[in-house]
Amino acid sequence: PVMPENGTVVLRDGGADVTLVTEPTAAVVRQGVPTRAGHPVRNTDVLVKIPGGYPGSFLDGAFLPEGSPLLGKVPGAVQGVESIGGRQWRLISIHPHHPNGATWNKDRNGLHSYYDEILSWLHK
């Protein structure tokens, strides 16, 4: 890991480029997530907030950088802007583990499986 700066820790393990944000809210930013062919960009950063009680509480939603050309091009309603980890992020309403979606299992699901949900979302 790279030492914390402004409430963030950068992790680079196994080729992943992930930033753990601790302030003002707990979140993980995955850099360079690939998108599907035909989208206006080949990859994007994606932020996911970590709710209190995680892993017992399920992960929900995803954020794209404010001004991303993917806004309105990927599934999910575009919501408000939040400043997290020194950047502006736009919430996208996606709910893979919402009561109408797949059931969240704290012993099986986590940030690793949510990344698969993010990849699937960006490839629709």
Protein backbone atom coordinates (compact mmCIF):
# COMPACT_ATOMS: atom_id res chain seq x y z
CA PRO A 1 0.00 0.00 0.00
CA VAL A 2 0.93 3.62 -0.52
CA MET A 3 0.81 5.68 2.67
CA PRO A 4 -2.42 7.51 3.48
CA GLU A 5 -2.98 10.98 2.09
CA ASN A 6 -6.14 12.96 2.72
CA GLY A 7 -7.96 9.92 4.07
CA THR A 8 -7.00 7.58 1.24
CA VAL A 9 -4.80 4.49 0.89
CA VAL A 10 -3.78 3.23 -2.57
CA LEU A 11 -3.56 -0.55 -2.93
CA ARG A 12 -1.77 -2.26 -5.79
CA ASP A 13 -1.88 -6.01 -5.36
CA GLY A 14 -2.08 -8.56 -8.14
CA GLY A 15 -2.30 -5.79 -10.74
CA ALA A 16 -5.34 -4.12 -9.17
CA ASP A 17 -5.33 -0.35 -8.79
CA VAL A 18 -7.67 0.33 -5.90
CA THR A 19 -7.95 3.27 -3.52
CA LEU A 20 -9.49 2.87 -0.09
CA VAL A 21 -11.08 6.14 1.00
CA THR A 22 -11.73 6.61 4.71
CA GLU A 23 -12.93 10.24 4.83
CA PRO A 24 -15.49 11.78 4.58
CA THR A 25 -17.04 8.32 4.10
CA ALA A 26 -15.70 4.80 3.66
CA ALA A 27 -15.46 3.90 -0.02
CA VAL A 28 -13.37 2.00 -2.53
CA VAL A 29 -12.31 3.40 -5.91
CA ARG A 30 -11.32 0.93 -8.58
CA GLN A 31 -9.28 2.70 -11.26
CA GLY A 32 -9.38 1.77 -14.93
CA VAL A 33 -12.42 -0.52 -14.93
CA PRO A 34 -12.93 -1.66 -18.53
CA THR A 35 -16.16 -0.79 -20.34
CA ARG A 36 -17.75 -2.52 -23.32
CA ALA A 37 -16.90 -1.78 -26.92
CA GLY A 38 -19.00 1.08 -28.22
CA HIS A 39 -18.93 3.13 -25.02
CA PRO A 40 -17.33 6.58 -25.36
CA VAL A 41 -14.37 5.52 -23.15
CA ARG A 42 -12.51 2.20 -22.84
CA ASN A 43 -12.25 2.35 -19.05
CA THR A 44 -13.35 4.40 -16.08
CA ASP A 45 -12.84 4.85 -12.38
CA VAL A 46 -15.73 3.57 -10.25
CA LEU A 47 -16.40 4.40 -6.59
CA VAL A 48 -18.48 2.20 -4.29
CA LYS A 49 -19.43 3.36 -0.80
CA ILE A 50 -18.95 0.90 2.05
CA PRO A 51 -22.00 1.03 4.32
CA GLY A 52 -21.87 0.86 8.09
CA GLY A 53 -22.20 -2.75 9.20
CA TYR A 54 -20.45 -4.11 6.08
CA PRO A 55 -20.16 -7.02 5.32
CA GLY A 56 -23.49 -7.64 7.05
CA SER A 57 -24.93 -4.67 5.10
CA PHE A 58 -25.00 -5.05 1.33
CA LEU A 59 -23.14 -2.87 -1.17
CA ASP A 60 -25.41 -0.80 -3.39
CA GLY A 61 -25.04 1.72 -6.20
CA ALA A 62 -21.93 2.96 -7.94
CA PHE A 63 -20.38 6.34 -8.65
CA LEU A 64 -18.76 7.57 -11.85
CA PRO A 65 -16.52 10.62 -11.99
CA GLU A 66 -18.48 13.85 -12.44
CA GLY A 67 -18.49 14.77 -16.13
CA SER A 68 -17.89 11.16 -17.27
CA PRO A 69 -19.02 10.53 -20.86
CA LEU A 70 -20.65 7.34 -19.53
CA LEU A 71 -23.28 9.32 -17.60
CA GLY A 72 -26.62 8.53 -19.23
CA LYS A 73 -25.02 5.84 -21.41
CA VAL A 74 -24.86 3.02 -18.84
CA PRO A 75 -27.92 1.56 -17.08
CA GLY A 76 -29.19 3.29 -13.96
CA ALA A 77 -30.61 6.67 -13.09
CA VAL A 78 -28.06 9.47 -12.74
CA GLN A 79 -28.32 10.91 -9.22
CA GLY A 80 -26.60 13.66 -7.22
CA VAL A 81 -22.95 14.65 -6.92
CA GLU A 82 -20.80 13.89 -3.88
CA SER A 83 -17.26 14.93 -3.01
CA ILE A 84 -15.38 11.82 -1.84
CA GLY A 85 -11.63 11.30 -1.64
CA GLY A 86 -10.90 14.72 -3.09
CA ARG A 87 -12.92 14.10 -6.28
CA GLN A 88 -16.45 14.81 -7.47
CA TRP A 89 -18.54 11.68 -8.10
CA ARG A 90 -21.99 11.19 -9.62
CA LEU A 91 -24.15 8.43 -8.10
CA ILE A 92 -25.70 5.96 -10.51
CA SER A 93 -28.69 4.05 -9.21
CA ILE A 94 -27.83 0.37 -9.71
CA HIS A 95 -29.00 -2.26 -7.24
CA PRO A 96 -27.66 -5.77 -7.89
CA HIS A 97 -28.35 -6.82 -4.28
CA HIS A 98 -31.57 -4.86 -3.77
CA PRO A 99 -34.48 -6.98 -2.53
CA ASN A 100 -35.52 -7.47 -6.19
CA GLY A 101 -32.00 -8.52 -7.21
CA ALA A 102 -29.60 -11.24 -6.10
CA THR A 103 -29.60 -11.97 -2.38
CA TRP A 104 -26.63 -10.57 -0.46
CA ASN A 105 -24.77 -13.24 1.50
CA LYS A 106 -22.17 -11.69 3.82
CA ASP A 107 -20.21 -14.96 3.80
CA ARG A 108 -20.06 -15.18 0.00
CA ASN A 109 -20.43 -11.62 -1.31
CA GLY A 110 -18.09 -8.69 -0.81
CA LEU A 111 -16.05 -6.11 -2.67
CA HIS A 112 -14.62 -8.89 -4.85
CA SER A 113 -18.03 -10.09 -6.05
CA TYR A 114 -19.39 -6.54 -6.33
CA TYR A 115 -16.56 -5.81 -8.77
CA ASP A 116 -18.06 -8.55 -10.98
CA GLU A 117 -21.42 -6.73 -10.75
CA ILE A 118 -19.71 -3.46 -11.76
CA LEU A 119 -18.06 -5.15 -14.76
CA SER A 120 -21.40 -6.62 -15.83
CA TRP A 121 -23.08 -3.20 -15.46
CA LEU A 122 -20.42 -1.43 -17.56
CA HIS A 123 -20.73 -4.06 -20.28
CA LYS A 124 -24.50 -3.73 -20.81
